[in-house]
């Protein structure tokens, strides 16, 4: 991504979301998602809640629990009843999530990492 146009933070976010490549395997082409470069505290939060998807936590609720950016008492109560203790977001995560210049990009980065996995 062009860092001069977007700046480093937006450029990194766009790369994490849109920078895919194609792998050639014999006669077929396979899409390869970008290896996301997310801060460790974001990866840890994604991985904590992701583990419960294998036990039945829906994508939508997992995504909501990771971001925790609106009133969620019902979702938190349900999560704690069926899975584990809810982990509130750290101040560091909240600051990253709520960065006004890239908030929507950060939400998309979390969705991409949740679907395709984290790599750091």
PDB file of N, CA and C in Angstrom:
ATOM      1  N   UNK A   1       0.832  -1.184   0.000  1.00  0.00           N
ATOM      2  CA  UNK A   1       0.000   0.000   0.000  1.00  0.00           C
ATOM      3  C   UNK A   1       0.874   1.244   0.000  1.00  0.00           C
ATOM      4  N   UNK A   2       0.393   2.262  -0.619  1.00  0.00           N
ATOM      5  CA  UNK A   2       1.147   3.496  -0.729  1.00  0.00           C
ATOM      6  C   UNK A   2       1.080   4.276   0.576  1.00  0.00           C
ATOM      7  N   UNK A   3       2.189   4.257   1.326  1.00  0.00           N
ATOM      8  CA  UNK A   3       2.253   4.940   2.616  1.00  0.00           C
ATOM      9  C   UNK A   3       2.168   6.460   2.445  1.00  0.00           C
ATOM     10  N   UNK A   4       2.599   6.997   1.293  1.00  0.00           N
ATOM     11  CA  UNK A   4       2.560   8.440   1.074  1.00  0.00           C
ATOM     12  C   UNK A   4       1.125   8.943   0.965  1.00  0.00           C
ATOM     13  N   UNK A   5       0.262   8.153   0.373  1.00  0.00           N
ATOM     14  CA  UNK A   5      -1.133   8.562   0.212  1.00  0.00           C
ATOM     15  C   UNK A   5      -1.909   8.372   1.507  1.00  0.00           C
ATOM     16  N   UNK A   6      -1.764   7.206   2.130  1.00  0.00           N
ATOM     17  CA  UNK A   6      -2.608   6.850   3.255  1.00  0.00           C
ATOM     18  C   UNK A   6      -1.984   7.111   4.615  1.00  0.00           C
ATOM     19  N   UNK A   7      -0.681   7.211   4.709  1.00  0.00           N
ATOM     20  CA  UNK A   7      -0.014   7.285   5.998  1.00  0.00           C
ATOM     21  C   UNK A   7       0.230   5.876   6.511  1.00  0.00           C
ATOM     22  N   UNK A   8       1.158   5.719   7.440  1.00  0.00           N
ATOM     23  CA  UNK A   8       1.558   4.368   7.851  1.00  0.00           C
ATOM     24  C   UNK A   8       0.450   3.552   8.506  1.00  0.00           C
ATOM     25  N   UNK A   9      -0.370   4.154   9.350  1.00  0.00           N
ATOM     26  CA  UNK A   9      -1.379   3.355  10.053  1.00  0.00           C
ATOM     27  C   UNK A   9      -2.491   2.891   9.120  1.00  0.00           C
ATOM     28  N   UNK A  10      -3.011   3.788   8.311  1.00  0.00           N
ATOM     29  CA  UNK A  10      -4.060   3.397   7.370  1.00  0.00           C
ATOM     30  C   UNK A  10      -3.488   2.461   6.310  1.00  0.00           C
ATOM     31  N   UNK A  11      -2.280   2.728   5.842  1.00  0.00           N
ATOM     32  CA  UNK A  11      -1.644   1.856   4.855  1.00  0.00           C
ATOM     33  C   UNK A  11      -1.479   0.445   5.374  1.00  0.00           C
ATOM     34  N   UNK A  12      -1.068   0.294   6.635  1.00  0.00           N
ATOM     35  CA  UNK A  12      -0.918  -1.031   7.244  1.00  0.00           C
ATOM     36  C   UNK A  12      -2.273  -1.722   7.362  1.00  0.00           C
ATOM     37  N   UNK A  13      -3.294  -0.984   7.784  1.00  0.00           N
ATOM     38  CA  UNK A  13      -4.635  -1.562   7.906  1.00  0.00           C
ATOM     39  C   UNK A  13      -5.149  -2.038   6.550  1.00  0.00           C
ATOM     40  N   UNK A  14      -4.999  -1.213   5.532  1.00  0.00           N
ATOM     41  CA  UNK A  14      -5.459  -1.598   4.193  1.00  0.00           C
ATOM     42  C   UNK A  14      -4.709  -2.825   3.689  1.00  0.00           C
ATOM     43  N   UNK A  15      -3.424  -2.893   3.976  1.00  0.00           N
ATOM     44  CA  UNK A  15      -2.642  -4.062   3.575  1.00  0.00           C
ATOM     45  C   UNK A  15      -3.143  -5.317   4.281  1.00  0.00           C
ATOM     46  N   UNK A  16      -3.455  -5.203   5.572  1.00  0.00           N
ATOM     47  CA  UNK A  16      -3.966  -6.348   6.331  1.00  0.00           C
ATOM     48  C   UNK A  16      -5.302  -6.846   5.790  1.00  0.00           C
ATOM     49  N   UNK A  17      -6.082  -5.951   5.218  1.00  0.00           N
ATOM     50  CA  UNK A  17      -7.418  -6.309   4.741  1.00  0.00           C
ATOM     51  C   UNK A  17      -7.401  -6.756   3.277  1.00  0.00           C
ATOM     52  N   UNK A  18      -6.703  -6.028   2.423  1.00  0.00           N
ATOM     53  CA  UNK A  18      -6.849  -6.217   0.981  1.00  0.00           C
ATOM     54  C   UNK A  18      -5.649  -6.823   0.259  1.00  0.00           C
ATOM     55  N   UNK A  19      -4.508  -6.933   0.878  1.00  0.00           N
ATOM     56  CA  UNK A  19      -3.300  -7.364   0.173  1.00  0.00           C
ATOM     57  C   UNK A  19      -3.200  -8.881   0.128  1.00  0.00           C
ATOM     58  N   UNK A  20      -3.894  -9.469  -0.796  1.00  0.00           N
ATOM     59  CA  UNK A  20      -3.883 -10.918  -1.003  1.00  0.00           C
ATOM     60  C   UNK A  20      -2.936 -11.232  -2.146  1.00  0.00           C
ATOM     61  N   UNK A  21      -2.500 -12.474  -2.193  1.00  0.00           N
ATOM     62  CA  UNK A  21      -1.678 -12.922  -3.312  1.00  0.00           C
ATOM     63  C   UNK A  21      -2.282 -14.214  -3.863  1.00  0.00           C
ATOM     64  N   UNK A  22      -1.743 -14.660  -4.962  1.00  0.00           N
ATOM     65  CA  UNK A  22      -2.222 -15.883  -5.605  1.00  0.00           C
ATOM     66  C   UNK A  22      -1.074 -16.884  -5.643  1.00  0.00           C
ATOM     67  N   UNK A  23      -1.339 -18.094  -5.187  1.00  0.00           N
ATOM     68  CA  UNK A  23      -0.354 -19.173  -5.247  1.00  0.00           C
ATOM     69  C   UNK A  23      -0.735 -20.106  -6.388  1.00  0.00           C
ATOM     70  N   UNK A  24       0.247 -20.475  -7.181  1.00  0.00           N
ATOM     71  CA  UNK A  24       0.020 -21.400  -8.293  1.00  0.00           C
ATOM     72  C   UNK A  24       0.358 -22.800  -7.804  1.00  0.00           C
ATOM     73  N   UNK A  25      -0.632 -23.686  -7.899  1.00  0.00           N
ATOM     74  CA  UNK A  25      -0.454 -25.077  -7.482  1.00  0.00           C
ATOM     75  C   UNK A  25      -0.817 -25.965  -8.667  1.00  0.00           C
ATOM     76  N   UNK A  26       0.198 -26.321  -9.440  1.00  0.00           N
ATOM     77  CA  UNK A  26      -0.082 -27.095 -10.647  1.00  0.00           C
ATOM     78  C   UNK A  26      -0.863 -26.257 -11.633  1.00  0.00           C
ATOM     79  N   UNK A  27      -2.077 -26.695 -11.948  1.00  0.00           N
ATOM     80  CA  UNK A  27      -2.936 -25.963 -12.877  1.00  0.00           C
ATOM     81  C   UNK A  27      -3.963 -25.090 -12.172  1.00  0.00           C
ATOM     82  N   UNK A  28      -3.918 -25.035 -10.846  1.00  0.00           N
ATOM     83  CA  UNK A  28      -4.918 -24.232 -10.132  1.00  0.00           C
ATOM     84  C   UNK A  28      -4.269 -23.034  -9.443  1.00  0.00           C
ATOM     85  N   UNK A  29      -5.077 -22.028  -9.244  1.00  0.00           N
ATOM     86  CA  UNK A  29      -4.652 -20.822  -8.540  1.00  0.00           C
ATOM     87  C   UNK A  29      -5.366 -20.779  -7.202  1.00  0.00           C
ATOM     88  N   UNK A  30      -4.633 -20.506  -6.154  1.00  0.00           N
ATOM     89  CA  UNK A  30      -5.210 -20.459  -4.810  1.00  0.00           C
ATOM     90  C   UNK A  30      -4.992 -19.078  -4.202  1.00  0.00           C
ATOM     91  N   UNK A  31      -6.053 -18.423  -3.707  1.00  0.00           N
ATOM     92  CA  UNK A  31      -5.859 -17.141  -3.034  1.00  0.00           C
ATOM     93  C   UNK A  31      -5.145 -17.349  -1.697  1.00  0.00           C
ATOM     94  N   UNK A  32      -4.239 -16.450  -1.390  1.00  0.00           N
ATOM     95  CA  UNK A  32      -3.490 -16.513  -0.133  1.00  0.00           C
ATOM     96  C   UNK A  32      -3.728 -15.203   0.609  1.00  0.00           C
ATOM     97  N   UNK A  33      -4.395 -15.260   1.780  1.00  0.00           N
ATOM     98  CA  UNK A  33      -4.646 -14.015   2.507  1.00  0.00           C
ATOM     99  C   UNK A  33      -3.353 -13.394   3.016  1.00  0.00           C
ATOM    100  N   UNK A  34      -3.399 -12.094   3.185  1.00  0.00           N
ATOM    101  CA  UNK A  34      -2.273 -11.344   3.738  1.00  0.00           C
ATOM    102  C   UNK A  34      -1.971 -11.827   5.146  1.00  0.00           C
ATOM    103  N   UNK A  35      -0.715 -11.882   5.496  1.00  0.00           N
ATOM    104  CA  UNK A  35      -0.330 -12.176   6.872  1.00  0.00           C
ATOM    105  C   UNK A  35      -0.464 -10.869   7.650  1.00  0.00           C
ATOM    106  N   UNK A  36      -1.518 -10.776   8.429  1.00  0.00           N
ATOM    107  CA  UNK A  36      -1.839  -9.541   9.141  1.00  0.00           C
ATOM    108  C   UNK A  36      -0.752  -9.177  10.144  1.00  0.00           C
ATOM    109  N   UNK A  37      -0.444  -7.907  10.189  1.00  0.00           N
ATOM    110  CA  UNK A  37       0.500  -7.386  11.167  1.00  0.00           C
ATOM    111  C   UNK A  37      -0.297  -6.598  12.200  1.00  0.00           C
ATOM    112  N   UNK A  38      -0.785  -7.309  13.197  1.00  0.00           N
ATOM    113  CA  UNK A  38      -1.583  -6.696  14.254  1.00  0.00           C
ATOM    114  C   UNK A  38      -0.760  -6.634  15.530  1.00  0.00           C
ATOM    115  N   UNK A  39      -1.033  -5.643  16.380  1.00  0.00           N
ATOM    116  CA  UNK A  39      -0.335  -5.600  17.667  1.00  0.00           C
ATOM    117  C   UNK A  39      -0.614  -6.866  18.477  1.00  0.00           C
ATOM    118  N   UNK A  40       0.343  -7.271  19.279  1.00  0.00           N
ATOM    119  CA  UNK A  40       0.223  -8.507  20.068  1.00  0.00           C
ATOM    120  C   UNK A  40      -1.023  -8.500  20.945  1.00  0.00           C
ATOM    121  N   UNK A  41      -1.372  -7.368  21.542  1.00  0.00           N
ATOM    122  CA  UNK A  41      -2.543  -7.319  22.419  1.00  0.00           C
ATOM    123  C   UNK A  41      -3.839  -7.545  21.640  1.00  0.00           C
ATOM    124  N   UNK A  42      -3.864  -7.196  20.357  1.00  0.00           N
ATOM    125  CA  UNK A  42      -5.034  -7.454  19.513  1.00  0.00           C
ATOM    126  C   UNK A  42      -5.094  -8.945  19.179  1.00  0.00           C
ATOM    127  N   UNK A  43      -3.967  -9.513  18.806  1.00  0.00           N
ATOM    128  CA  UNK A  43      -3.899 -10.939  18.485  1.00  0.00           C
ATOM    129  C   UNK A  43      -4.327 -11.774  19.687  1.00  0.00           C
ATOM    130  N   UNK A  44      -3.847 -11.426  20.871  1.00  0.00           N
ATOM    131  CA  UNK A  44      -4.210 -12.173  22.087  1.00  0.00           C
ATOM    132  C   UNK A  44      -5.708 -12.130  22.330  1.00  0.00           C
ATOM    133  N   UNK A  45      -6.312 -10.971  22.128  1.00  0.00           N
ATOM    134  CA  UNK A  45      -7.756 -10.841  22.350  1.00  0.00           C
ATOM    135  C   UNK A  45      -8.532 -11.668  21.326  1.00  0.00           C
ATOM    136  N   UNK A  46      -8.126 -11.611  20.074  1.00  0.00           N
ATOM    137  CA  UNK A  46      -8.782 -12.410  19.035  1.00  0.00           C
ATOM    138  C   UNK A  46      -8.660 -13.892  19.361  1.00  0.00           C
ATOM    139  N   UNK A  47      -7.467 -14.329  19.711  1.00  0.00           N
ATOM    140  CA  UNK A  47      -7.240 -15.749  19.985  1.00  0.00           C
ATOM    141  C   UNK A  47      -8.014 -16.228  21.211  1.00  0.00           C
ATOM    142  N   UNK A  48      -8.146 -15.363  22.232  1.00  0.00           N
ATOM    143  CA  UNK A  48      -8.892 -15.765  23.428  1.00  0.00           C
ATOM    144  C   UNK A  48     -10.332 -16.123  23.065  1.00  0.00           C
ATOM    145  N   UNK A  49     -11.009 -15.246  22.342  1.00  0.00           N
ATOM    146  CA  UNK A  49     -12.413 -15.495  22.022  1.00  0.00           C
ATOM    147  C   UNK A  49     -12.581 -16.492  20.873  1.00  0.00           C
ATOM    148  N   UNK A  50     -11.629 -16.531  19.946  1.00  0.00           N
ATOM    149  CA  UNK A  50     -11.720 -17.453  18.813  1.00  0.00           C
ATOM    150  C   UNK A  50     -11.807 -18.907  19.266  1.00  0.00           C
ATOM    151  N   UNK A  51     -11.075 -19.248  20.313  1.00  0.00           N
ATOM    152  CA  UNK A  51     -11.053 -20.647  20.762  1.00  0.00           C
ATOM    153  C   UNK A  51     -12.450 -21.175  21.082  1.00  0.00           C
ATOM    154  N   UNK A  52     -13.367 -20.303  21.434  1.00  0.00           N
ATOM    155  CA  UNK A  52     -14.714 -20.732  21.808  1.00  0.00           C
ATOM    156  C   UNK A  52     -15.626 -20.936  20.596  1.00  0.00           C
ATOM    157  N   UNK A  53     -15.184 -20.514  19.419  1.00  0.00           N
ATOM    158  CA  UNK A  53     -15.978 -20.778  18.213  1.00  0.00           C
ATOM    159  C   UNK A  53     -16.030 -22.276  17.943  1.00  0.00           C
ATOM    160  N   UNK A  54     -14.981 -22.991  18.300  1.00  0.00           N
ATOM    161  CA  UNK A  54     -14.971 -24.445  18.117  1.00  0.00           C
ATOM    162  C   UNK A  54     -15.944 -25.136  19.064  1.00  0.00           C
ATOM    163  N   UNK A  55     -16.384 -24.413  20.089  1.00  0.00           N
ATOM    164  CA  UNK A  55     -17.340 -24.962  21.055  1.00  0.00           C
ATOM    165  C   UNK A  55     -18.752 -24.444  20.817  1.00  0.00           C
ATOM    166  N   UNK A  56     -18.949 -23.660  19.745  1.00  0.00           N
ATOM    167  CA  UNK A  56     -20.288 -23.217  19.399  1.00  0.00           C
ATOM    168  C   UNK A  56     -20.540 -21.722  19.446  1.00  0.00           C
ATOM    169  N   UNK A  57     -19.554 -20.920  19.814  1.00  0.00           N
ATOM    170  CA  UNK A  57     -19.738 -19.469  19.810  1.00  0.00           C
ATOM    171  C   UNK A  57     -19.857 -19.000  18.361  1.00  0.00           C
ATOM    172  N   UNK A  58     -20.892 -18.218  18.067  1.00  0.00           N
ATOM    173  CA  UNK A  58     -21.109 -17.764  16.687  1.00  0.00           C
ATOM    174  C   UNK A  58     -20.079 -16.706  16.296  1.00  0.00           C
ATOM    175  N   UNK A  59     -19.879 -16.563  14.989  1.00  0.00           N
ATOM    176  CA  UNK A  59     -18.957 -15.543  14.485  1.00  0.00           C
ATOM    177  C   UNK A  59     -19.384 -14.165  14.967  1.00  0.00           C
ATOM    178  N   UNK A  60     -20.670 -13.858  14.833  1.00  0.00           N
ATOM    179  CA  UNK A  60     -21.171 -12.530  15.195  1.00  0.00           C
ATOM    180  C   UNK A  60     -20.909 -12.211  16.664  1.00  0.00           C
ATOM    181  N   UNK A  61     -21.183 -13.169  17.547  1.00  0.00           N
ATOM    182  CA  UNK A  61     -20.964 -12.920  18.976  1.00  0.00           C
ATOM    183  C   UNK A  61     -19.482 -12.858  19.302  1.00  0.00           C
ATOM    184  N   UNK A  62     -18.688 -13.688  18.653  1.00  0.00           N
ATOM    185  CA  UNK A  62     -17.243 -13.649  18.862  1.00  0.00           C
ATOM    186  C   UNK A  62     -16.697 -12.281  18.451  1.00  0.00           C
ATOM    187  N   UNK A  63     -17.102 -11.802  17.298  1.00  0.00           N
ATOM    188  CA  UNK A  63     -16.682 -10.492  16.797  1.00  0.00           C
ATOM    189  C   UNK A  63     -17.089  -9.393  17.775  1.00  0.00           C
ATOM    190  N   UNK A  64     -18.319  -9.455  18.268  1.00  0.00           N
ATOM    191  CA  UNK A  64     -18.806  -8.462  19.233  1.00  0.00           C
ATOM    192  C   UNK A  64     -18.020  -8.508  20.533  1.00  0.00           C
ATOM    193  N   UNK A  65     -17.724  -9.708  21.018  1.00  0.00           N
ATOM    194  CA  UNK A  65     -16.967  -9.848  22.262  1.00  0.00           C
ATOM    195  C   UNK A  65     -15.546  -9.318  22.111  1.00  0.00           C
ATOM    196  N   UNK A  66     -14.940  -9.548  20.974  1.00  0.00           N
ATOM    197  CA  UNK A  66     -13.583  -9.043  20.745  1.00  0.00           C
ATOM    198  C   UNK A  66     -13.590  -7.522  20.766  1.00  0.00           C
ATOM    199  N   UNK A  67     -14.477  -6.913  19.994  1.00  0.00           N
ATOM    200  CA  UNK A  67     -14.495  -5.453  19.899  1.00  0.00           C
ATOM    201  C   UNK A  67     -15.053  -4.793  21.151  1.00  0.00           C
ATOM    202  N   UNK A  68     -16.093  -5.373  21.725  1.00  0.00           N
ATOM    203  CA  UNK A  68     -16.715  -4.835  22.949  1.00  0.00           C
ATOM    204  C   UNK A  68     -16.893  -3.326  22.873  1.00  0.00           C
ATOM    205  N   UNK A  69     -17.530  -2.858  21.811  1.00  0.00           N
ATOM    206  CA  UNK A  69     -17.648  -1.414  21.634  1.00  0.00           C
ATOM    207  C   UNK A  69     -19.070  -0.872  21.751  1.00  0.00           C
ATOM    208  N   UNK A  70     -19.957  -1.643  22.344  1.00  0.00           N
ATOM    209  CA  UNK A  70     -21.309  -1.163  22.615  1.00  0.00           C
ATOM    210  C   UNK A  70     -21.858  -1.954  23.804  1.00  0.00           C
ATOM    211  N   UNK A  71     -22.971  -1.530  24.404  1.00  0.00           N
ATOM    212  CA  UNK A  71     -23.507  -2.277  25.558  1.00  0.00           C
ATOM    213  C   UNK A  71     -23.739  -3.742  25.199  1.00  0.00           C
ATOM    214  N   UNK A  72     -23.213  -4.620  26.039  1.00  0.00           N
ATOM    215  CA  UNK A  72     -23.221  -6.038  25.692  1.00  0.00           C
ATOM    216  C   UNK A  72     -23.597  -6.941  26.853  1.00  0.00           C
ATOM    217  N   UNK A  73     -24.329  -6.464  27.813  1.00  0.00           N
ATOM    218  CA  UNK A  73     -24.622  -7.267  29.002  1.00  0.00           C
ATOM    219  C   UNK A  73     -25.191  -8.638  28.659  1.00  0.00           C
ATOM    220  N   UNK A  74     -26.131  -8.689  27.725  1.00  0.00           N
ATOM    221  CA  UNK A  74     -26.764  -9.965  27.374  1.00  0.00           C
ATOM    222  C   UNK A  74     -25.750 -10.936  26.754  1.00  0.00           C
ATOM    223  N   UNK A  75     -24.929 -10.437  25.827  1.00  0.00           N
ATOM    224  CA  UNK A  75     -23.925 -11.295  25.185  1.00  0.00           C
ATOM    225  C   UNK A  75     -22.893 -11.770  26.202  1.00  0.00           C
ATOM    226  N   UNK A  76     -22.456 -10.879  27.081  1.00  0.00           N
ATOM    227  CA  UNK A  76     -21.459 -11.247  28.097  1.00  0.00           C
ATOM    228  C   UNK A  76     -22.033 -12.290  29.044  1.00  0.00           C
ATOM    229  N   UNK A  77     -23.258 -12.092  29.502  1.00  0.00           N
ATOM    230  CA  UNK A  77     -23.884 -13.067  30.410  1.00  0.00           C
ATOM    231  C   UNK A  77     -24.000 -14.438  29.751  1.00  0.00           C
ATOM    232  N   UNK A  78     -24.413 -14.465  28.494  1.00  0.00           N
ATOM    233  CA  UNK A  78     -24.531 -15.727  27.761  1.00  0.00           C
ATOM    234  C   UNK A  78     -23.154 -16.380  27.593  1.00  0.00           C
ATOM    235  N   UNK A  79     -22.151 -15.580  27.258  1.00  0.00           N
ATOM    236  CA  UNK A  79     -20.797 -16.116  27.090  1.00  0.00           C
ATOM    237  C   UNK A  79     -20.308 -16.748  28.392  1.00  0.00           C
ATOM    238  N   UNK A  80     -20.485 -16.038  29.500  1.00  0.00           N
ATOM    239  CA  UNK A  80     -20.011 -16.554  30.786  1.00  0.00           C
ATOM    240  C   UNK A  80     -20.799 -17.782  31.230  1.00  0.00           C
ATOM    241  N   UNK A  81     -22.069 -17.862  30.864  1.00  0.00           N
ATOM    242  CA  UNK A  81     -22.878 -19.025  31.224  1.00  0.00           C
ATOM    243  C   UNK A  81     -22.426 -20.278  30.470  1.00  0.00           C
ATOM    244  N   UNK A  82     -22.087 -20.133  29.199  1.00  0.00           N
ATOM    245  CA  UNK A  82     -21.785 -21.303  28.366  1.00  0.00           C
ATOM    246  C   UNK A  82     -20.302 -21.571  28.120  1.00  0.00           C
ATOM    247  N   UNK A  83     -19.452 -20.562  28.265  1.00  0.00           N
ATOM    248  CA  UNK A  83     -18.064 -20.747  27.854  1.00  0.00           C
ATOM    249  C   UNK A  83     -17.052 -20.475  28.966  1.00  0.00           C
ATOM    250  N   UNK A  84     -16.801 -19.224  29.284  1.00  0.00           N
ATOM    251  CA  UNK A  84     -15.740 -18.883  30.244  1.00  0.00           C
ATOM    252  C   UNK A  84     -15.955 -17.461  30.739  1.00  0.00           C
ATOM    253  N   UNK A  85     -15.048 -17.019  31.578  1.00  0.00           N
ATOM    254  CA  UNK A  85     -15.108 -15.645  32.057  1.00  0.00           C
ATOM    255  C   UNK A  85     -14.844 -14.681  30.901  1.00  0.00           C
ATOM    256  N   UNK A  86     -15.611 -13.620  30.876  1.00  0.00           N
ATOM    257  CA  UNK A  86     -15.417 -12.566  29.891  1.00  0.00           C
ATOM    258  C   UNK A  86     -14.165 -11.782  30.261  1.00  0.00           C
ATOM    259  N   UNK A  87     -13.350 -11.472  29.285  1.00  0.00           N
ATOM    260  CA  UNK A  87     -12.181 -10.630  29.507  1.00  0.00           C
ATOM    261  C   UNK A  87     -12.460  -9.258  28.916  1.00  0.00           C
ATOM    262  N   UNK A  88     -12.538  -8.262  29.785  1.00  0.00           N
ATOM    263  CA  UNK A  88     -12.774  -6.896  29.329  1.00  0.00           C
ATOM    264  C   UNK A  88     -11.572  -6.418  28.516  1.00  0.00           C
ATOM    265  N   UNK A  89     -11.800  -5.549  27.543  1.00  0.00           N
ATOM    266  CA  UNK A  89     -10.675  -5.056  26.746  1.00  0.00           C
ATOM    267  C   UNK A  89      -9.747  -4.180  27.579  1.00  0.00           C
ATOM    268  N   UNK A  90      -8.466  -4.274  27.298  1.00  0.00           N
ATOM    269  CA  UNK A  90      -7.475  -3.443  27.987  1.00  0.00           C
ATOM    270  C   UNK A  90      -7.575  -2.008  27.475  1.00  0.00           C
ATOM    271  N   UNK A  91      -7.033  -1.078  28.204  1.00  0.00           N
ATOM    272  CA  UNK A  91      -6.999   0.322  27.773  1.00  0.00           C
ATOM    273  C   UNK A  91      -6.256   0.419  26.436  1.00  0.00           C
ATOM    274  N   UNK A  92      -5.180  -0.352  26.302  1.00  0.00           N
ATOM    275  CA  UNK A  92      -4.389  -0.358  25.072  1.00  0.00           C
ATOM    276  C   UNK A  92      -5.254  -0.800  23.881  1.00  0.00           C
ATOM    277  N   UNK A  93      -6.056  -1.847  24.081  1.00  0.00           N
ATOM    278  CA  UNK A  93      -6.931  -2.330  23.014  1.00  0.00           C
ATOM    279  C   UNK A  93      -7.994  -1.282  22.685  1.00  0.00           C
ATOM    280  N   UNK A  94      -8.594  -0.683  23.701  1.00  0.00           N
ATOM    281  CA  UNK A  94      -9.632   0.333  23.480  1.00  0.00           C
ATOM    282  C   UNK A  94      -9.067   1.507  22.688  1.00  0.00           C
ATOM    283  N   UNK A  95      -7.865   1.959  23.051  1.00  0.00           N
ATOM    284  CA  UNK A  95      -7.240   3.067  22.317  1.00  0.00           C
ATOM    285  C   UNK A  95      -7.002   2.690  20.857  1.00  0.00           C
ATOM    286  N   UNK A  96      -6.559   1.452  20.615  1.00  0.00           N
ATOM    287  CA  UNK A  96      -6.326   0.980  19.246  1.00  0.00           C
ATOM    288  C   UNK A  96      -7.656   0.898  18.497  1.00  0.00           C
ATOM    289  N   UNK A  97      -8.652   0.270  19.115  1.00  0.00           N
ATOM    290  CA  UNK A  97      -9.963   0.078  18.486  1.00  0.00           C
ATOM    291  C   UNK A  97     -10.630   1.407  18.146  1.00  0.00           C
ATOM    292  N   UNK A  98     -10.518   2.381  19.034  1.00  0.00           N
ATOM    293  CA  UNK A  98     -11.254   3.634  18.895  1.00  0.00           C
ATOM    294  C   UNK A  98     -10.480   4.755  18.206  1.00  0.00           C
ATOM    295  N   UNK A  99      -9.325   4.462  17.641  1.00  0.00           N
ATOM    296  CA  UNK A  99      -8.562   5.476  16.924  1.00  0.00           C
ATOM    297  C   UNK A  99      -9.444   6.014  15.800  1.00  0.00           C
ATOM    298  N   UNK A 100      -9.873   7.258  15.939  1.00  0.00           N
ATOM    299  CA  UNK A 100     -10.900   7.799  15.046  1.00  0.00           C
ATOM    300  C   UNK A 100     -10.503   7.786  13.577  1.00  0.00           C
ATOM    301  N   UNK A 101      -9.235   7.869  13.277  1.00  0.00           N
ATOM    302  CA  UNK A 101      -8.815   7.888  11.882  1.00  0.00           C
ATOM    303  C   UNK A 101      -8.909   6.545  11.189  1.00  0.00           C
ATOM    304  N   UNK A 102      -8.876   5.466  11.956  1.00  0.00           N
ATOM    305  CA  UNK A 102      -8.840   4.133  11.347  1.00  0.00           C
ATOM    306  C   UNK A 102      -9.773   3.136  12.028  1.00  0.00           C
ATOM    307  N   UNK A 103     -10.733   3.612  12.799  1.00  0.00           N
ATOM    308  CA  UNK A 103     -11.608   2.711  13.556  1.00  0.00           C
ATOM    309  C   UNK A 103     -12.285   1.667  12.664  1.00  0.00           C
ATOM    310  N   UNK A 104     -12.874   2.089  11.559  1.00  0.00           N
ATOM    311  CA  UNK A 104     -13.574   1.119  10.706  1.00  0.00           C
ATOM    312  C   UNK A 104     -12.594   0.136  10.068  1.00  0.00           C
ATOM    313  N   UNK A 105     -11.381   0.590   9.773  1.00  0.00           N
ATOM    314  CA  UNK A 105     -10.371  -0.327   9.236  1.00  0.00           C
ATOM    315  C   UNK A 105      -9.970  -1.355  10.287  1.00  0.00           C
ATOM    316  N   UNK A 106      -9.830  -0.929  11.532  1.00  0.00           N
ATOM    317  CA  UNK A 106      -9.469  -1.864  12.596  1.00  0.00           C
ATOM    318  C   UNK A 106     -10.562  -2.910  12.795  1.00  0.00           C
ATOM    319  N   UNK A 107     -11.812  -2.513  12.674  1.00  0.00           N
ATOM    320  CA  UNK A 107     -12.902  -3.487  12.767  1.00  0.00           C
ATOM    321  C   UNK A 107     -12.793  -4.513  11.642  1.00  0.00           C
ATOM    322  N   UNK A 108     -12.483  -4.055  10.427  1.00  0.00           N
ATOM    323  CA  UNK A 108     -12.322  -4.986   9.303  1.00  0.00           C
ATOM    324  C   UNK A 108     -11.112  -5.892   9.511  1.00  0.00           C
ATOM    325  N   UNK A 109     -10.033  -5.352  10.085  1.00  0.00           N
ATOM    326  CA  UNK A 109      -8.853  -6.174  10.359  1.00  0.00           C
ATOM    327  C   UNK A 109      -9.187  -7.303  11.326  1.00  0.00           C
ATOM    328  N   UNK A 110      -9.985  -6.996  12.345  1.00  0.00           N
ATOM    329  CA  UNK A 110     -10.394  -8.027  13.303  1.00  0.00           C
ATOM    330  C   UNK A 110     -11.226  -9.089  12.585  1.00  0.00           C
ATOM    331  N   UNK A 111     -12.149  -8.667  11.730  1.00  0.00           N
ATOM    332  CA  UNK A 111     -12.980  -9.634  11.000  1.00  0.00           C
ATOM    333  C   UNK A 111     -12.125 -10.532  10.108  1.00  0.00           C
ATOM    334  N   UNK A 112     -11.184  -9.957   9.375  1.00  0.00           N
ATOM    335  CA  UNK A 112     -10.311 -10.746   8.499  1.00  0.00           C
ATOM    336  C   UNK A 112      -9.483 -11.727   9.325  1.00  0.00           C
ATOM    337  N   UNK A 113      -8.919 -11.259  10.438  1.00  0.00           N
ATOM    338  CA  UNK A 113      -8.112 -12.142  11.295  1.00  0.00           C
ATOM    339  C   UNK A 113      -8.972 -13.245  11.900  1.00  0.00           C
ATOM    340  N   UNK A 114     -10.200 -12.931  12.229  1.00  0.00           N
ATOM    341  CA  UNK A 114     -11.102 -13.927  12.803  1.00  0.00           C
ATOM    342  C   UNK A 114     -11.461 -15.001  11.770  1.00  0.00           C
ATOM    343  N   UNK A 115     -11.641 -14.604  10.531  1.00  0.00           N
ATOM    344  CA  UNK A 115     -11.992 -15.551   9.471  1.00  0.00           C
ATOM    345  C   UNK A 115     -10.780 -16.365   9.017  1.00  0.00           C
ATOM    346  N   UNK A 116      -9.658 -15.698   8.788  1.00  0.00           N
ATOM    347  CA  UNK A 116      -8.504 -16.363   8.176  1.00  0.00           C
ATOM    348  C   UNK A 116      -7.382 -16.685   9.154  1.00  0.00           C
ATOM    349  N   UNK A 117      -7.520 -16.251  10.385  1.00  0.00           N
ATOM    350  CA  UNK A 117      -6.501 -16.550  11.387  1.00  0.00           C
ATOM    351  C   UNK A 117      -5.512 -15.414  11.564  1.00  0.00           C
ATOM    352  N   UNK A 118      -4.920 -15.386  12.731  1.00  0.00           N
ATOM    353  CA  UNK A 118      -3.876 -14.413  13.020  1.00  0.00           C
ATOM    354  C   UNK A 118      -2.540 -15.067  12.736  1.00  0.00           C
ATOM    355  N   UNK A 119      -1.562 -14.263  12.427  1.00  0.00           N
ATOM    356  CA  UNK A 119      -0.282 -14.835  12.031  1.00  0.00           C
ATOM    357  C   UNK A 119       0.889 -14.375  12.876  1.00  0.00           C
ATOM    358  N   UNK A 120       0.675 -13.470  13.820  1.00  0.00           N
ATOM    359  CA  UNK A 120       1.816 -13.060  14.634  1.00  0.00           C
ATOM    360  C   UNK A 120       1.639 -13.517  16.047  1.00  0.00           C
TER     361      UNK A 120
END
